[in-house]
PDB file of N, CA and C in Angstrom:
ATOM      1  N   MET A   1      21.589 -11.776  27.482  1.00  0.00           N
ATOM      2  CA  MET A   1      20.913 -11.432  26.254  1.00  0.00           C
ATOM      3  C   MET A   1      21.918 -11.102  25.148  1.00  0.00           C
ATOM      4  N   LEU A   2      22.881 -10.237  25.429  1.00  0.00           N
ATOM      5  CA  LEU A   2      23.879  -9.861  24.424  1.00  0.00           C
ATOM      6  C   LEU A   2      24.643 -11.085  23.946  1.00  0.00           C
ATOM      7  N   GLY A   3      25.051 -11.924  24.873  1.00  0.00           N
ATOM      8  CA  GLY A   3      25.806 -13.117  24.508  1.00  0.00           C
ATOM      9  C   GLY A   3      25.017 -14.048  23.609  1.00  0.00           C
ATOM     10  N   GLU A   4      23.742 -14.207  23.913  1.00  0.00           N
ATOM     11  CA  GLU A   4      22.880 -15.059  23.083  1.00  0.00           C
ATOM     12  C   GLU A   4      22.762 -14.486  21.676  1.00  0.00           C
ATOM     13  N   MET A   5      22.653 -13.168  21.582  1.00  0.00           N
ATOM     14  CA  MET A   5      22.524 -12.530  20.270  1.00  0.00           C
ATOM     15  C   MET A   5      23.813 -12.651  19.468  1.00  0.00           C
ATOM     16  N   ILE A   6      24.946 -12.478  20.132  1.00  0.00           N
ATOM     17  CA  ILE A   6      26.231 -12.632  19.439  1.00  0.00           C
ATOM     18  C   ILE A   6      26.338 -14.053  18.888  1.00  0.00           C
ATOM     19  N   ALA A   7      25.986 -15.038  19.699  1.00  0.00           N
ATOM     20  CA  ALA A   7      26.053 -16.434  19.256  1.00  0.00           C
ATOM     21  C   ALA A   7      25.112 -16.676  18.076  1.00  0.00           C
ATOM     22  N   GLU A   8      23.911 -16.131  18.153  1.00  0.00           N
ATOM     23  CA  GLU A   8      22.935 -16.323  17.074  1.00  0.00           C
ATOM     24  C   GLU A   8      23.439 -15.741  15.753  1.00  0.00           C
ATOM     25  N   VAL A   9      23.907 -14.503  15.815  1.00  0.00           N
ATOM     26  CA  VAL A   9      24.375 -13.836  14.600  1.00  0.00           C
ATOM     27  C   VAL A   9      25.632 -14.527  14.066  1.00  0.00           C
ATOM     28  N   ARG A  10      26.511 -14.912  14.957  1.00  0.00           N
ATOM     29  CA  ARG A  10      27.736 -15.618  14.549  1.00  0.00           C
ATOM     30  C   ARG A  10      27.384 -16.906  13.809  1.00  0.00           C
ATOM     31  N   LYS A  11      26.472 -17.681  14.379  1.00  0.00           N
ATOM     32  CA  LYS A  11      26.076 -18.952  13.760  1.00  0.00           C
ATOM     33  C   LYS A  11      25.360 -18.718  12.432  1.00  0.00           C
ATOM     34  N   ASP A  12      24.529 -17.674  12.380  1.00  0.00           N
ATOM     35  CA  ASP A  12      23.833 -17.354  11.131  1.00  0.00           C
ATOM     36  C   ASP A  12      24.804 -17.071   9.996  1.00  0.00           C
ATOM     37  N   HIS A  13      25.981 -16.593  10.350  1.00  0.00           N
ATOM     38  CA  HIS A  13      26.997 -16.292   9.337  1.00  0.00           C
ATOM     39  C   HIS A  13      27.981 -17.439   9.144  1.00  0.00           C
ATOM     40  N   GLY A  14      27.711 -18.554   9.786  1.00  0.00           N
ATOM     41  CA  GLY A  14      28.547 -19.737   9.598  1.00  0.00           C
ATOM     42  C   GLY A  14      29.895 -19.675  10.277  1.00  0.00           C
ATOM     43  N   ASP A  15      30.048 -18.791  11.249  1.00  0.00           N
ATOM     44  CA  ASP A  15      31.317 -18.679  11.961  1.00  0.00           C
ATOM     45  C   ASP A  15      31.297 -19.513  13.240  1.00  0.00           C
ATOM     46  N   THR A  16      32.435 -20.060  13.565  1.00  0.00           N
ATOM     47  CA  THR A  16      32.622 -20.737  14.846  1.00  0.00           C
ATOM     48  C   THR A  16      33.115 -19.697  15.851  1.00  0.00           C
ATOM     49  N   GLN A  17      33.163 -20.085  17.107  1.00  0.00           N
ATOM     50  CA  GLN A  17      33.737 -19.184  18.110  1.00  0.00           C
ATOM     51  C   GLN A  17      35.197 -18.904  17.795  1.00  0.00           C
ATOM     52  N   ILE A  18      35.882 -19.895  17.312  1.00  0.00           N
ATOM     53  CA  ILE A  18      37.295 -19.731  16.953  1.00  0.00           C
ATOM     54  C   ILE A  18      37.432 -18.699  15.831  1.00  0.00           C
ATOM     55  N   LYS A  19      36.587 -18.818  14.812  1.00  0.00           N
ATOM     56  CA  LYS A  19      36.651 -17.909  13.667  1.00  0.00           C
ATOM     57  C   LYS A  19      36.354 -16.474  14.102  1.00  0.00           C
ATOM     58  N   LEU A  20      35.321 -16.294  14.935  1.00  0.00           N
ATOM     59  CA  LEU A  20      35.003 -14.944  15.424  1.00  0.00           C
ATOM     60  C   LEU A  20      36.162 -14.384  16.241  1.00  0.00           C
ATOM     61  N   ALA A  21      36.732 -15.212  17.092  1.00  0.00           N
ATOM     62  CA  ALA A  21      37.874 -14.765  17.903  1.00  0.00           C
ATOM     63  C   ALA A  21      39.015 -14.294  17.008  1.00  0.00           C
ATOM     64  N   GLN A  22      39.295 -15.047  15.952  1.00  0.00           N
ATOM     65  CA  GLN A  22      40.362 -14.661  15.021  1.00  0.00           C
ATOM     66  C   GLN A  22      40.036 -13.342  14.334  1.00  0.00           C
ATOM     67  N   LYS A  23      38.788 -13.193  13.891  1.00  0.00           N
ATOM     68  CA  LYS A  23      38.396 -11.971  13.187  1.00  0.00           C
ATOM     69  C   LYS A  23      38.488 -10.743  14.086  1.00  0.00           C
ATOM     70  N   LEU A  24      38.245 -10.926  15.385  1.00  0.00           N
ATOM     71  CA  LEU A  24      38.273  -9.796  16.323  1.00  0.00           C
ATOM     72  C   LEU A  24      39.602  -9.674  17.061  1.00  0.00           C
ATOM     73  N   ASN A  25      40.509 -10.627  16.798  1.00  0.00           N
ATOM     74  CA  ASN A  25      41.810 -10.638  17.460  1.00  0.00           C
ATOM     75  C   ASN A  25      41.675 -10.721  18.985  1.00  0.00           C
ATOM     76  N   VAL A  26      40.789 -11.634  19.411  1.00  0.00           N
ATOM     77  CA  VAL A  26      40.611 -11.919  20.842  1.00  0.00           C
ATOM     78  C   VAL A  26      40.733 -13.427  21.020  1.00  0.00           C
ATOM     79  N   SER A  27      40.773 -13.884  22.249  1.00  0.00           N
ATOM     80  CA  SER A  27      40.872 -15.328  22.501  1.00  0.00           C
ATOM     81  C   SER A  27      39.506 -15.995  22.365  1.00  0.00           C
ATOM     82  N   VAL A  28      39.535 -17.280  22.122  1.00  0.00           N
ATOM     83  CA  VAL A  28      38.299 -18.062  22.056  1.00  0.00           C
ATOM     84  C   VAL A  28      37.604 -18.015  23.414  1.00  0.00           C
ATOM     85  N   GLN A  29      38.379 -18.020  24.485  1.00  0.00           N
ATOM     86  CA  GLN A  29      37.805 -17.956  25.829  1.00  0.00           C
ATOM     87  C   GLN A  29      37.015 -16.655  26.028  1.00  0.00           C
ATOM     88  N   THR A  30      37.486 -15.585  25.405  1.00  0.00           N
ATOM     89  CA  THR A  30      36.778 -14.308  25.492  1.00  0.00           C
ATOM     90  C   THR A  30      35.426 -14.412  24.807  1.00  0.00           C
ATOM     91  N   VAL A  31      35.394 -14.973  23.612  1.00  0.00           N
ATOM     92  CA  VAL A  31      34.129 -15.144  22.883  1.00  0.00           C
ATOM     93  C   VAL A  31      33.200 -16.051  23.683  1.00  0.00           C
ATOM     94  N   GLN A  32      33.733 -17.126  24.230  1.00  0.00           N
ATOM     95  CA  GLN A  32      32.917 -18.027  25.048  1.00  0.00           C
ATOM     96  C   GLN A  32      32.322 -17.294  26.250  1.00  0.00           C
ATOM     97  N   ALA A  33      33.115 -16.453  26.888  1.00  0.00           N
ATOM     98  CA  ALA A  33      32.642 -15.695  28.052  1.00  0.00           C
ATOM     99  C   ALA A  33      31.512 -14.747  27.653  1.00  0.00           C
ATOM    100  N   TRP A  34      31.636 -14.102  26.507  1.00  0.00           N
ATOM    101  CA  TRP A  34      30.563 -13.222  26.029  1.00  0.00           C
ATOM    102  C   TRP A  34      29.288 -14.010  25.820  1.00  0.00           C
ATOM    103  N   GLU A  35      29.426 -15.125  25.094  1.00  0.00           N
ATOM    104  CA  GLU A  35      28.245 -15.901  24.727  1.00  0.00           C
ATOM    105  C   GLU A  35      27.592 -16.570  25.934  1.00  0.00           C
ATOM    106  N   GLN A  36      28.359 -16.817  26.975  1.00  0.00           N
ATOM    107  CA  GLN A  36      27.812 -17.412  28.191  1.00  0.00           C
ATOM    108  C   GLN A  36      27.350 -16.353  29.190  1.00  0.00           C
ATOM    109  N   GLY A  37      27.517 -15.084  28.824  1.00  0.00           N
ATOM    110  CA  GLY A  37      27.062 -13.994  29.678  1.00  0.00           C
ATOM    111  C   GLY A  37      27.949 -13.709  30.878  1.00  0.00           C
ATOM    112  N   ARG A  38      29.160 -14.249  30.859  1.00  0.00           N
ATOM    113  CA  ARG A  38      30.082 -14.000  31.968  1.00  0.00           C
ATOM    114  C   ARG A  38      30.810 -12.674  31.826  1.00  0.00           C
ATOM    115  N   SER A  39      30.837 -12.134  30.604  1.00  0.00           N
ATOM    116  CA  SER A  39      31.426 -10.825  30.346  1.00  0.00           C
ATOM    117  C   SER A  39      30.797 -10.281  29.076  1.00  0.00           C
ATOM    118  N   SER A  40      31.135  -9.051  28.746  1.00  0.00           N
ATOM    119  CA  SER A  40      30.599  -8.408  27.545  1.00  0.00           C
ATOM    120  C   SER A  40      31.730  -7.737  26.780  1.00  0.00           C
ATOM    121  N   PRO A  41      31.581  -7.645  25.476  1.00  0.00           N
ATOM    122  CA  PRO A  41      32.616  -6.943  24.704  1.00  0.00           C
ATOM    123  C   PRO A  41      32.598  -5.455  25.037  1.00  0.00           C
ATOM    124  N   ASP A  42      33.762  -4.825  24.951  1.00  0.00           N
ATOM    125  CA  ASP A  42      33.811  -3.378  25.163  1.00  0.00           C
ATOM    126  C   ASP A  42      33.155  -2.679  23.970  1.00  0.00           C
ATOM    127  N   HIS A  43      32.966  -1.382  24.100  1.00  0.00           N
ATOM    128  CA  HIS A  43      32.260  -0.608  23.074  1.00  0.00           C
ATOM    129  C   HIS A  43      32.899  -0.778  21.698  1.00  0.00           C
ATOM    130  N   GLU A  44      34.196  -0.652  21.640  1.00  0.00           N
ATOM    131  CA  GLU A  44      34.911  -0.751  20.359  1.00  0.00           C
ATOM    132  C   GLU A  44      34.705  -2.120  19.712  1.00  0.00           C
ATOM    133  N   THR A  45      34.759  -3.163  20.512  1.00  0.00           N
ATOM    134  CA  THR A  45      34.576  -4.517  19.988  1.00  0.00           C
ATOM    135  C   THR A  45      33.130  -4.747  19.571  1.00  0.00           C
ATOM    136  N   LEU A  46      32.193  -4.181  20.308  1.00  0.00           N
ATOM    137  CA  LEU A  46      30.783  -4.289  19.929  1.00  0.00           C
ATOM    138  C   LEU A  46      30.554  -3.664  18.552  1.00  0.00           C
ATOM    139  N   VAL A  47      31.169  -2.521  18.325  1.00  0.00           N
ATOM    140  CA  VAL A  47      31.068  -1.863  17.022  1.00  0.00           C
ATOM    141  C   VAL A  47      31.666  -2.760  15.934  1.00  0.00           C
ATOM    142  N   LYS A  48      32.798  -3.394  16.221  1.00  0.00           N
ATOM    143  CA  LYS A  48      33.422  -4.300  15.249  1.00  0.00           C
ATOM    144  C   LYS A  48      32.496  -5.465  14.914  1.00  0.00           C
ATOM    145  N   ILE A  49      31.830  -6.021  15.924  1.00  0.00           N
ATOM    146  CA  ILE A  49      30.907  -7.136  15.703  1.00  0.00           C
ATOM    147  C   ILE A  49      29.745  -6.677  14.821  1.00  0.00           C
ATOM    148  N   CYS A  50      29.214  -5.496  15.116  1.00  0.00           N
ATOM    149  CA  CYS A  50      28.106  -4.954  14.319  1.00  0.00           C
ATOM    150  C   CYS A  50      28.523  -4.779  12.864  1.00  0.00           C
ATOM    151  N   LYS A  51      29.706  -4.243  12.640  1.00  0.00           N
ATOM    152  CA  LYS A  51      30.189  -4.035  11.277  1.00  0.00           C
ATOM    153  C   LYS A  51      30.500  -5.364  10.588  1.00  0.00           C
ATOM    154  N   LEU A  52      31.093  -6.275  11.327  1.00  0.00           N
ATOM    155  CA  LEU A  52      31.456  -7.576  10.777  1.00  0.00           C
ATOM    156  C   LEU A  52      30.229  -8.317  10.253  1.00  0.00           C
ATOM    157  N   TYR A  53      29.168  -8.296  11.045  1.00  0.00           N
ATOM    158  CA  TYR A  53      27.965  -9.039  10.675  1.00  0.00           C
ATOM    159  C   TYR A  53      26.856  -8.152  10.114  1.00  0.00           C
ATOM    160  N   ASN A  54      27.169  -6.868   9.939  1.00  0.00           N
ATOM    161  CA  ASN A  54      26.221  -5.920   9.373  1.00  0.00           C
ATOM    162  C   ASN A  54      24.873  -5.976  10.100  1.00  0.00           C
ATOM    163  N   VAL A  55      24.937  -5.796  11.408  1.00  0.00           N
ATOM    164  CA  VAL A  55      23.760  -5.857  12.267  1.00  0.00           C
ATOM    165  C   VAL A  55      23.786  -4.645  13.199  1.00  0.00           C
ATOM    166  N   SER A  56      22.611  -4.175  13.602  1.00  0.00           N
ATOM    167  CA  SER A  56      22.571  -2.988  14.454  1.00  0.00           C
ATOM    168  C   SER A  56      22.915  -3.335  15.901  1.00  0.00           C
ATOM    169  N   SER A  57      23.479  -2.369  16.592  1.00  0.00           N
ATOM    170  CA  SER A  57      23.794  -2.574  18.005  1.00  0.00           C
ATOM    171  C   SER A  57      22.512  -2.693  18.825  1.00  0.00           C
ATOM    172  N   ASP A  58      21.456  -1.999  18.420  1.00  0.00           N
ATOM    173  CA  ASP A  58      20.168  -2.130  19.116  1.00  0.00           C
ATOM    174  C   ASP A  58      19.696  -3.578  19.114  1.00  0.00           C
ATOM    175  N   TYR A  59      19.870  -4.233  17.986  1.00  0.00           N
ATOM    176  CA  TYR A  59      19.460  -5.639  17.879  1.00  0.00           C
ATOM    177  C   TYR A  59      20.325  -6.512  18.790  1.00  0.00           C
ATOM    178  N   LEU A  60      21.638  -6.331  18.729  1.00  0.00           N
ATOM    179  CA  LEU A  60      22.529  -7.146  19.556  1.00  0.00           C
ATOM    180  C   LEU A  60      22.291  -6.921  21.046  1.00  0.00           C
ATOM    181  N   LEU A  61      21.998  -5.678  21.412  1.00  0.00           N
ATOM    182  CA  LEU A  61      21.802  -5.355  22.830  1.00  0.00           C
ATOM    183  C   LEU A  61      20.407  -5.693  23.334  1.00  0.00           C
ATOM    184  N   GLY A  62      19.540  -6.140  22.438  1.00  0.00           N
ATOM    185  CA  GLY A  62      18.190  -6.505  22.845  1.00  0.00           C
ATOM    186  C   GLY A  62      17.243  -5.333  22.967  1.00  0.00           C
ATOM    187  N   LEU A  63      17.646  -4.174  22.452  1.00  0.00           N
ATOM    188  CA  LEU A  63      16.783  -2.997  22.491  1.00  0.00           C
ATOM    189  C   LEU A  63      15.715  -3.062  21.407  1.00  0.00           C
ATOM    190  N   SER A  64      15.955  -3.902  20.418  1.00  0.00           N
ATOM    191  CA  SER A  64      15.013  -4.117  19.327  1.00  0.00           C
ATOM    192  C   SER A  64      14.952  -5.613  19.058  1.00  0.00           C
ATOM    193  N   ASN A  65      13.755  -6.131  18.902  1.00  0.00           N
ATOM    194  CA  ASN A  65      13.606  -7.562  18.631  1.00  0.00           C
ATOM    195  C   ASN A  65      13.942  -7.914  17.193  1.00  0.00           C
ATOM    196  N   VAL A  66      13.920  -6.909  16.342  1.00  0.00           N
ATOM    197  CA  VAL A  66      14.143  -7.150  14.917  1.00  0.00           C
ATOM    198  C   VAL A  66      15.101  -6.105  14.366  1.00  0.00           C
ATOM    199  N   ASP A  67      16.030  -6.556  13.576  1.00  0.00           N
ATOM    200  CA  ASP A  67      16.887  -5.652  12.819  1.00  0.00           C
ATOM    201  C   ASP A  67      16.439  -5.793  11.368  1.00  0.00           C
ATOM    202  N   PRO A  68      15.672  -4.822  10.866  1.00  0.00           N
ATOM    203  CA  PRO A  68      15.111  -4.961   9.518  1.00  0.00           C
ATOM    204  C   PRO A  68      16.142  -5.287   8.448  1.00  0.00           C
ATOM    205  N   ALA A  69      17.298  -4.663   8.521  1.00  0.00           N
ATOM    206  CA  ALA A  69      18.339  -4.933   7.520  1.00  0.00           C
ATOM    207  C   ALA A  69      18.824  -6.378   7.628  1.00  0.00           C
ATOM    208  N   TYR A  70      18.948  -6.870   8.844  1.00  0.00           N
ATOM    209  CA  TYR A  70      19.405  -8.238   9.062  1.00  0.00           C
ATOM    210  C   TYR A  70      18.378  -9.241   8.542  1.00  0.00           C
ATOM    211  N   VAL A  71      17.110  -8.974   8.821  1.00  0.00           N
ATOM    212  CA  VAL A  71      16.033  -9.842   8.334  1.00  0.00           C
ATOM    213  C   VAL A  71      16.022  -9.849   6.816  1.00  0.00           C
ATOM    214  N   GLN A  72      16.167  -8.665   6.218  1.00  0.00           N
ATOM    215  CA  GLN A  72      16.171  -8.553   4.757  1.00  0.00           C
ATOM    216  C   GLN A  72      17.324  -9.355   4.157  1.00  0.00           C
ATOM    217  N   ARG A  73      18.525  -9.213   4.732  1.00  0.00           N
ATOM    218  CA  ARG A  73      19.679  -9.960   4.224  1.00  0.00           C
ATOM    219  C   ARG A  73      19.443 -11.458   4.333  1.00  0.00           C
ATOM    220  N   SER A  74      18.880 -11.889   5.454  1.00  0.00           N
ATOM    221  CA  SER A  74      18.618 -13.311   5.641  1.00  0.00           C
ATOM    222  C   SER A  74      17.644 -13.826   4.588  1.00  0.00           C
ATOM    223  N   ARG A  75      16.625 -13.035   4.285  1.00  0.00           N
ATOM    224  CA  ARG A  75      15.648 -13.431   3.274  1.00  0.00           C
ATOM    225  C   ARG A  75      16.299 -13.508   1.896  1.00  0.00           C
ATOM    226  N   LEU A  76      17.127 -12.530   1.579  1.00  0.00           N
ATOM    227  CA  LEU A  76      17.749 -12.488   0.256  1.00  0.00           C
ATOM    228  C   LEU A  76      18.704 -13.655   0.026  1.00  0.00           C
ATOM    229  N   GLU A  77      19.258 -14.196   1.093  1.00  0.00           N
ATOM    230  CA  GLU A  77      20.187 -15.316   0.959  1.00  0.00           C
ATOM    231  C   GLU A  77      19.497 -16.568   0.421  1.00  0.00           C
ATOM    232  N   ASN A  78      18.166 -16.581   0.436  1.00  0.00           N
ATOM    233  CA  ASN A  78      17.411 -17.733  -0.056  1.00  0.00           C
ATOM    234  C   ASN A  78      17.278 -17.747  -1.574  1.00  0.00           C
ATOM    235  N   PHE A  79      17.659 -16.647  -2.235  1.00  0.00           N
ATOM    236  CA  PHE A  79      17.509 -16.536  -3.676  1.00  0.00           C
ATOM    237  C   PHE A  79      18.814 -16.858  -4.396  1.00  0.00           C
ATOM    238  N   THR A  80      18.679 -17.343  -5.614  1.00  0.00           N
ATOM    239  CA  THR A  80      19.853 -17.573  -6.459  1.00  0.00           C
ATOM    240  C   THR A  80      20.312 -16.228  -7.017  1.00  0.00           C
ATOM    241  N   LYS A  81      21.486 -16.204  -7.610  1.00  0.00           N
ATOM    242  CA  LYS A  81      21.992 -14.973  -8.222  1.00  0.00           C
ATOM    243  C   LYS A  81      21.070 -14.500  -9.337  1.00  0.00           C
ATOM    244  N   GLU A  82      20.562 -15.430 -10.114  1.00  0.00           N
ATOM    245  CA  GLU A  82      19.657 -15.078 -11.209  1.00  0.00           C
ATOM    246  C   GLU A  82      18.349 -14.476 -10.671  1.00  0.00           C
ATOM    247  N   GLU A  83      17.830 -15.061  -9.606  1.00  0.00           N
ATOM    248  CA  GLU A  83      16.598 -14.533  -9.003  1.00  0.00           C
ATOM    249  C   GLU A  83      16.826 -13.130  -8.424  1.00  0.00           C
ATOM    250  N   LEU A  84      17.997 -12.913  -7.835  1.00  0.00           N
ATOM    251  CA  LEU A  84      18.314 -11.588  -7.306  1.00  0.00           C
ATOM    252  C   LEU A  84      18.387 -10.555  -8.421  1.00  0.00           C
ATOM    253  N   LYS A  85      18.920 -10.949  -9.585  1.00  0.00           N
ATOM    254  CA  LYS A  85      18.955 -10.045 -10.738  1.00  0.00           C
ATOM    255  C   LYS A  85      17.537  -9.671 -11.150  1.00  0.00           C
ATOM    256  N   GLU A  86      16.642 -10.652 -11.168  1.00  0.00           N
ATOM    257  CA  GLU A  86      15.249 -10.396 -11.521  1.00  0.00           C
ATOM    258  C   GLU A  86      14.578  -9.467 -10.518  1.00  0.00           C
ATOM    259  N   ILE A  87      14.860  -9.658  -9.252  1.00  0.00           N
ATOM    260  CA  ILE A  87      14.293  -8.794  -8.206  1.00  0.00           C
ATOM    261  C   ILE A  87      14.768  -7.363  -8.404  1.00  0.00           C
ATOM    262  N   ARG A  88      16.067  -7.182  -8.653  1.00  0.00           N
ATOM    263  CA  ARG A  88      16.613  -5.838  -8.877  1.00  0.00           C
ATOM    264  C   ARG A  88      16.010  -5.190 -10.116  1.00  0.00           C
ATOM    265  N   SER A  89      15.838  -5.977 -11.158  1.00  0.00           N
ATOM    266  CA  SER A  89      15.244  -5.466 -12.388  1.00  0.00           C
ATOM    267  C   SER A  89      13.802  -5.013 -12.148  1.00  0.00           C
ATOM    268  N   PHE A  90      13.060  -5.797 -11.420  1.00  0.00           N
ATOM    269  CA  PHE A  90      11.675  -5.441 -11.127  1.00  0.00           C
ATOM    270  C   PHE A  90      11.612  -4.191 -10.249  1.00  0.00           C
ATOM    271  N   GLU A  91      12.528  -4.100  -9.295  1.00  0.00           N
ATOM    272  CA  GLU A  91      12.598  -2.924  -8.433  1.00  0.00           C
ATOM    273  C   GLU A  91      12.871  -1.664  -9.274  1.00  0.00           C
ATOM    274  N   GLU A  92      13.814  -1.756 -10.201  1.00  0.00           N
ATOM    275  CA  GLU A  92      14.114  -0.626 -11.081  1.00  0.00           C
ATOM    276  C   GLU A  92      12.896  -0.242 -11.911  1.00  0.00           C
ATOM    277  N   TYR A  93      12.168  -1.238 -12.413  1.00  0.00           N
ATOM    278  CA  TYR A  93      10.956  -0.973 -13.186  1.00  0.00           C
ATOM    279  C   TYR A  93       9.920  -0.230 -12.339  1.00  0.00           C
ATOM    280  N   LEU A  94       9.696  -0.695 -11.109  1.00  0.00           N
ATOM    281  CA  LEU A  94       8.706  -0.042 -10.239  1.00  0.00           C
ATOM    282  C   LEU A  94       9.096   1.403  -9.931  1.00  0.00           C
ATOM    283  N   LEU A  95      10.372   1.648  -9.689  1.00  0.00           N
ATOM    284  CA  LEU A  95      10.827   3.008  -9.431  1.00  0.00           C
ATOM    285  C   LEU A  95      10.674   3.883 -10.673  1.00  0.00           C
ATOM    286  N   TRP A  96      10.978   3.313 -11.841  1.00  0.00           N
ATOM    287  CA  TRP A  96      10.792   4.046 -13.090  1.00  0.00           C
ATOM    288  C   TRP A  96       9.312   4.389 -13.280  1.00  0.00           C
ATOM    289  N   ARG A  97       8.437   3.421 -13.052  1.00  0.00           N
ATOM    290  CA  ARG A  97       7.012   3.628 -13.224  1.00  0.00           C
ATOM    291  C   ARG A  97       6.475   4.692 -12.266  1.00  0.00           C
ATOM    292  N   ARG A  98       6.969   4.687 -11.046  1.00  0.00           N
ATOM    293  CA  ARG A  98       6.552   5.682 -10.059  1.00  0.00           C
ATOM    294  C   ARG A  98       6.955   7.089 -10.508  1.00  0.00           C
ATOM    295  N   GLY A  99       8.119   7.193 -11.129  1.00  0.00           N
ATOM    296  CA  GLY A  99       8.655   8.487 -11.542  1.00  0.00           C
ATOM    297  C   GLY A  99       8.047   9.066 -12.785  1.00  0.00           C
ATOM    298  N   ARG A 100       7.239   8.312 -13.482  1.00  0.00           N
ATOM    299  CA  ARG A 100       6.643   8.804 -14.738  1.00  0.00           C
ATOM    300  C   ARG A 100       5.702   9.931 -14.495  1.00  0.00           C
TER     301      ARG A 100
END
């Protein structure tokens, strides 16, 4: 399960196994072993993966089927920079209106 999640998140971010290995300073064989379920990253490396991809450890470990922050980021990637500005502006307006 953990290996499948690491592979999914890695691919979602456009990284290859080689790229992830370089970012974590481990061998490609190590990343392959994780993704194939033959081994697991140690605690420190798991934390690095979570920080690298901005995903919760609960999600990676399969304790949660959804990482709300991860889903939100994935959704936001579908918008252009101009659309994101409009979303932020509307959000500010709604917060201002609530505070009146």
